[in-house]
Amino acid sequence: MIESFNKKELEEKIDQYVNGQLSAQEVDELWAELIQDGYHLDYLKSVANLQAVIERKREEQKSTSKKQYWYYAAAAVIALLIAVVGVMNISTQQQSSVEPISSIELDYYRSGDGTISSSSDKEVIRNAIKLANTGRENEAISLLESELENASEPGWIAELSLNLGSLHYNNGNYDIAIEHYERVVAYKDKVDVLMLEKAYWYIGNAHFHLDQLVDAKMNIERAYELNGAYRRVAQSYLNALSD
């Protein structure tokens, strides 16, 4: 009988009861004892409450684990999607997001061997560049056009035309710029490779601004074929224009 159990044994029975380890008869005997034992009845309540808390925590942990699993799984999927979209965007940018150059620098001209060209030292070129760089583009254009009317040496005509083309290009007059650049090409046997390369490159970009992509690609390809300073950038444009 349960009455014969000492305190330790009674508490063990309570623990077994809470854990569902007693038979129906043992449960009845336990309750008969506890009704008369307020202390151990409280002990039973405490153990039962503790067990309930433990079970609830276990369920919460299971639920949290599942939530965490799905959270991390969802995060992984999102990260994967971001990575894929990022690669797609990078790939798209590399292949098709090139744009025509917005403006052309006017502050120098270098020959094919990297030295300053003697023709760029002529006062008229320097004065035109100074005027343009201070916002007086129309005066710069007039100065060069006046000089061009009196020019006779092919190399000098080509250089004046290259600078005039760039002034018009920067003013958004792409059709006029192309006309000046094509004059440089007309003297291709009289100019160095760098000047010719620039002419083709600028013609291609001017056509690009005008959405004349076939002509743009053709002239950029000519710049690329000269295998000079513009070869690498020309290659990236050709890749984009071929898509």
Protein backbone atom coordinates (compact mmCIF):
# COMPACT_ATOMS: atom_id res chain seq x y z
CA MET A 1 0.00 0.00 0.00
CA ILE A 2 1.04 3.55 -0.57
CA GLU A 3 0.79 4.32 3.11
CA SER A 4 3.85 2.24 3.66
CA PHE A 5 5.92 4.41 1.31
CA ASN A 6 8.26 6.93 2.90
CA LYS A 7 8.56 10.53 1.73
CA LYS A 8 11.14 9.72 -0.92
CA GLU A 9 9.11 6.85 -2.31
CA LEU A 10 5.97 8.99 -2.37
CA GLU A 11 7.72 11.69 -4.35
CA GLU A 12 9.00 9.05 -6.76
CA LYS A 13 5.41 7.86 -7.21
CA ILE A 14 4.30 11.41 -7.90
CA ASP A 15 7.03 11.75 -10.52
CA GLN A 16 5.94 8.48 -12.10
CA TYR A 17 2.32 9.63 -12.10
CA VAL A 18 3.16 12.89 -13.80
CA ASN A 19 5.13 10.98 -16.42
CA GLY A 20 2.24 8.55 -16.98
CA GLN A 21 4.06 5.54 -15.59
CA LEU A 22 1.44 4.36 -12.99
CA SER A 23 -1.35 1.90 -13.49
CA ALA A 24 -4.96 2.88 -12.77
CA GLN A 25 -4.87 1.15 -9.39
CA GLU A 26 -1.60 2.86 -8.43
CA VAL A 27 -3.09 6.22 -9.40
CA ASP A 28 -6.11 5.62 -7.15
CA GLU A 29 -3.86 4.66 -4.25
CA LEU A 30 -1.71 7.74 -4.81
CA TRP A 31 -4.68 10.10 -4.80
CA ALA A 32 -6.08 8.50 -1.66
CA GLU A 33 -2.79 9.31 0.05
CA LEU A 34 -2.45 12.81 -1.36
CA ILE A 35 -5.94 13.86 -0.25
CA GLN A 36 -4.72 13.46 3.26
CA ASP A 37 -1.28 14.98 2.61
CA GLY A 38 -1.46 18.66 1.75
CA TYR A 39 2.32 18.99 1.39
CA HIS A 40 2.65 16.27 -1.23
CA LEU A 41 -0.50 17.44 -2.96
CA ASP A 42 1.24 20.78 -3.47
CA TYR A 43 4.32 18.86 -4.52
CA LEU A 44 2.22 17.10 -7.16
CA LYS A 45 0.85 20.39 -8.40
CA SER A 46 4.35 21.87 -8.66
CA VAL A 47 5.71 18.87 -10.53
CA ALA A 48 2.70 18.80 -12.82
CA ASN A 49 3.03 22.52 -13.56
CA LEU A 50 6.72 22.12 -14.17
CA GLN A 51 6.06 19.23 -16.51
CA ALA A 52 3.48 21.27 -18.37
CA VAL A 53 5.94 24.11 -18.74
CA ILE A 54 8.59 21.70 -20.00
CA GLU A 55 6.22 20.19 -22.54
CA ARG A 56 5.13 23.61 -23.71
CA LYS A 57 8.73 24.68 -24.11
CA ARG A 58 9.46 21.54 -26.06
CA GLU A 59 6.56 22.25 -28.40
CA GLU A 60 7.66 25.85 -28.75
CA GLN A 61 11.19 24.74 -29.56
CA LYS A 62 9.88 22.33 -32.16
CA SER A 63 7.73 25.05 -33.63
CA THR A 64 10.58 27.56 -33.49
CA SER A 65 12.91 25.07 -35.10
CA LYS A 66 10.45 24.60 -37.92
CA LYS A 67 10.02 28.36 -38.24
CA GLN A 68 13.77 28.85 -38.21
CA TYR A 69 14.16 26.13 -40.80
CA TRP A 70 11.64 27.75 -43.09
CA TYR A 71 13.09 31.18 -42.36
CA TYR A 72 16.57 30.08 -43.30
CA ALA A 73 15.26 28.10 -46.25
CA ALA A 74 13.33 31.14 -47.48
CA ALA A 75 16.36 33.36 -46.89
CA ALA A 76 18.50 30.94 -48.87
CA VAL A 77 16.02 30.98 -51.74
CA ILE A 78 15.88 34.78 -51.68
CA ALA A 79 19.68 34.98 -51.60
CA LEU A 80 19.85 32.60 -54.53
CA LEU A 81 17.34 34.64 -56.49
CA ILE A 82 19.24 37.83 -55.75
CA ALA A 83 22.46 36.20 -56.90
CA VAL A 84 20.87 34.91 -60.09
CA VAL A 85 19.25 38.25 -60.87
CA GLY A 86 22.55 39.98 -60.09
CA VAL A 87 24.42 37.78 -62.52
CA MET A 88 21.75 38.32 -65.14
CA ASN A 89 21.95 42.07 -64.64
CA ILE A 90 25.74 42.06 -64.81
CA SER A 91 25.62 39.92 -67.92
CA THR A 92 23.02 42.19 -69.49
CA GLN A 93 25.00 45.30 -68.59
CA GLN A 94 28.18 43.84 -70.02
CA GLN A 95 26.47 42.82 -73.23
CA SER A 96 24.00 45.56 -74.04
CA SER A 97 24.16 48.64 -71.78
CA VAL A 98 26.94 50.60 -73.51
CA GLU A 99 26.07 54.12 -74.52
CA PRO A 100 27.67 56.54 -76.96
CA ILE A 101 30.23 58.82 -75.37
CA SER A 102 28.58 62.02 -74.17
CA SER A 103 31.41 64.44 -74.95
CA ILE A 104 34.95 64.59 -76.26
CA GLU A 105 37.90 66.11 -74.46
CA LEU A 106 39.50 68.97 -76.35
CA ASP A 107 42.54 69.68 -74.22
CA TYR A 108 45.16 67.60 -76.04
CA TYR A 109 46.12 65.72 -79.12
CA ARG A 110 48.80 63.07 -79.11
CA SER A 111 50.47 61.38 -82.03
CA GLY A 112 50.78 57.64 -82.47
CA ASP A 113 54.05 57.44 -80.53
CA GLY A 114 52.53 59.23 -77.52
CA THR A 115 54.23 62.61 -78.01
CA ILE A 116 52.47 65.90 -78.52
CA SER A 117 51.87 66.47 -82.22
CA SER A 118 53.66 69.45 -83.67
CA SER A 119 50.48 70.54 -85.42
CA SER A 120 48.70 70.80 -82.07
CA ASP A 121 51.20 73.47 -81.08
CA LYS A 122 49.80 75.83 -83.66
CA GLU A 123 48.26 78.81 -82.00
CA VAL A 124 44.90 78.50 -83.69
CA ILE A 125 44.25 75.05 -82.20
CA ARG A 126 45.25 76.16 -78.72
CA ASN A 127 43.09 79.28 -78.95
CA ALA A 128 40.09 77.30 -80.18
CA ILE A 129 40.45 74.84 -77.29
CA LYS A 130 40.67 77.70 -74.79
CA LEU A 131 37.52 79.28 -76.20
CA ALA A 132 35.59 76.00 -76.11
CA ASN A 133 36.73 75.17 -72.59
CA THR A 134 35.38 78.53 -71.38
CA GLY A 135 31.96 78.00 -72.94
CA ARG A 136 32.59 79.97 -76.14
CA GLU A 137 32.12 77.03 -78.51
CA ASN A 138 30.66 79.08 -81.38
CA GLU A 139 33.70 81.36 -81.41
CA ALA A 140 35.95 78.29 -81.38
CA ILE A 141 34.07 76.82 -84.34
CA SER A 142 34.28 80.07 -86.29
CA LEU A 143 38.01 80.32 -85.62
CA LEU A 144 38.70 76.79 -86.91
CA GLU A 145 36.38 77.12 -89.91
CA SER A 146 38.18 80.30 -90.92
CA GLU A 147 41.51 78.52 -90.67
CA LEU A 148 40.18 75.51 -92.59
CA GLU A 149 39.16 77.71 -95.54
CA ASN A 150 42.80 78.71 -96.02
CA ALA A 151 44.36 75.31 -95.23
CA SER A 152 46.03 73.31 -97.99
CA GLU A 153 48.26 70.75 -96.25
CA PRO A 154 46.36 67.42 -95.84
CA GLY A 155 47.55 66.73 -92.31
CA TRP A 156 46.57 70.19 -91.17
CA ILE A 157 43.17 69.95 -92.84
CA ALA A 158 42.61 66.63 -91.09
CA GLU A 159 43.54 68.02 -87.69
CA LEU A 160 41.32 71.06 -88.08
CA SER A 161 38.50 68.80 -89.19
CA LEU A 162 38.99 66.47 -86.23
CA ASN A 163 38.71 69.37 -83.78
CA LEU A 164 35.75 70.90 -85.61
CA GLY A 165 34.03 67.52 -85.51
CA SER A 166 34.55 67.29 -81.77
CA LEU A 167 33.21 70.81 -81.17
CA HIS A 168 30.04 69.99 -83.08
CA TYR A 169 29.80 66.61 -81.37
CA ASN A 170 29.87 68.26 -77.93
CA ASN A 171 27.14 70.65 -79.07
CA GLY A 172 24.96 67.70 -80.11
CA ASN A 173 25.31 68.45 -83.83
CA TYR A 174 26.15 64.87 -84.71
CA ASP A 175 25.40 65.06 -88.44
CA ILE A 176 27.80 68.00 -88.86
CA ALA A 177 30.37 66.28 -86.66
CA ILE A 178 30.27 63.20 -88.93
CA GLU A 179 30.94 65.37 -91.98
CA HIS A 180 34.10 66.79 -90.38
CA TYR A 181 35.29 63.40 -89.15
CA GLU A 182 34.79 61.87 -92.60
CA ARG A 183 37.11 64.52 -93.99
CA VAL A 184 39.79 63.11 -91.70
CA VAL A 185 39.11 59.63 -93.10
CA ALA A 186 39.41 61.03 -96.63
CA TYR A 187 43.04 61.87 -95.78
CA LYS A 188 43.75 58.54 -94.09
CA ASP A 189 46.95 58.07 -96.07
CA LYS A 190 48.22 61.42 -94.81
CA VAL A 191 47.52 61.12 -91.09
CA ASP A 192 48.86 58.90 -88.33
CA VAL A 193 47.00 55.86 -87.04
CA LEU A 194 45.81 57.52 -83.84
CA MET A 195 44.10 60.38 -85.67
CA LEU A 196 42.41 57.95 -88.07
CA GLU A 197 41.39 55.71 -85.19
CA LYS A 198 39.84 58.66 -83.40
CA ALA A 199 37.94 59.69 -86.50
CA TYR A 200 36.37 56.25 -86.93
CA TRP A 201 35.63 55.99 -83.21
CA TYR A 202 33.93 59.39 -83.08
CA ILE A 203 31.99 58.74 -86.30
CA GLY A 204 30.71 55.49 -84.80
CA ASN A 205 29.62 57.22 -81.59
CA ALA A 206 27.94 60.05 -83.51
CA HIS A 207 25.92 57.50 -85.51
CA PHE A 208 25.15 55.76 -82.22
CA HIS A 209 23.65 59.01 -80.87
CA LEU A 210 21.50 59.20 -84.01
CA ASP A 211 20.35 55.58 -83.53
CA GLN A 212 22.04 54.66 -86.80
CA LEU A 213 23.37 51.45 -85.33
CA VAL A 214 24.51 49.79 -88.56
CA ASP A 215 26.75 52.74 -89.40
CA ALA A 216 27.83 52.99 -85.78
CA LYS A 217 28.95 49.38 -85.71
CA MET A 218 30.71 49.64 -89.07
CA ASN A 219 32.85 52.61 -88.04
CA ILE A 220 33.61 51.31 -84.56
CA GLU A 221 34.72 48.08 -86.20
CA ARG A 222 37.11 50.05 -88.40
CA ALA A 223 38.56 51.68 -85.28
CA TYR A 224 38.93 48.22 -83.75
CA GLU A 225 40.71 46.86 -86.82
CA LEU A 226 43.40 49.52 -86.54
CA ASN A 227 44.49 47.69 -83.37
CA GLY A 228 45.43 50.83 -81.49
CA ALA A 229 44.43 52.71 -78.37
CA TYR A 230 40.69 52.22 -78.92
CA ARG A 231 40.77 48.49 -79.64
CA ARG A 232 39.59 47.28 -76.22
CA VAL A 233 36.75 49.75 -75.77
CA ALA A 234 35.74 49.26 -79.39
CA GLN A 235 35.50 45.52 -78.75
CA SER A 236 33.04 46.04 -75.88
CA TYR A 237 30.87 48.26 -78.08
CA LEU A 238 30.94 45.76 -80.93
CA ASN A 239 29.86 42.98 -78.57
CA ALA A 240 26.93 45.09 -77.39
CA LEU A 241 25.89 46.21 -80.85
CA SER A 242 25.98 42.62 -82.09
CA ASP A 243 23.35 41.41 -79.55
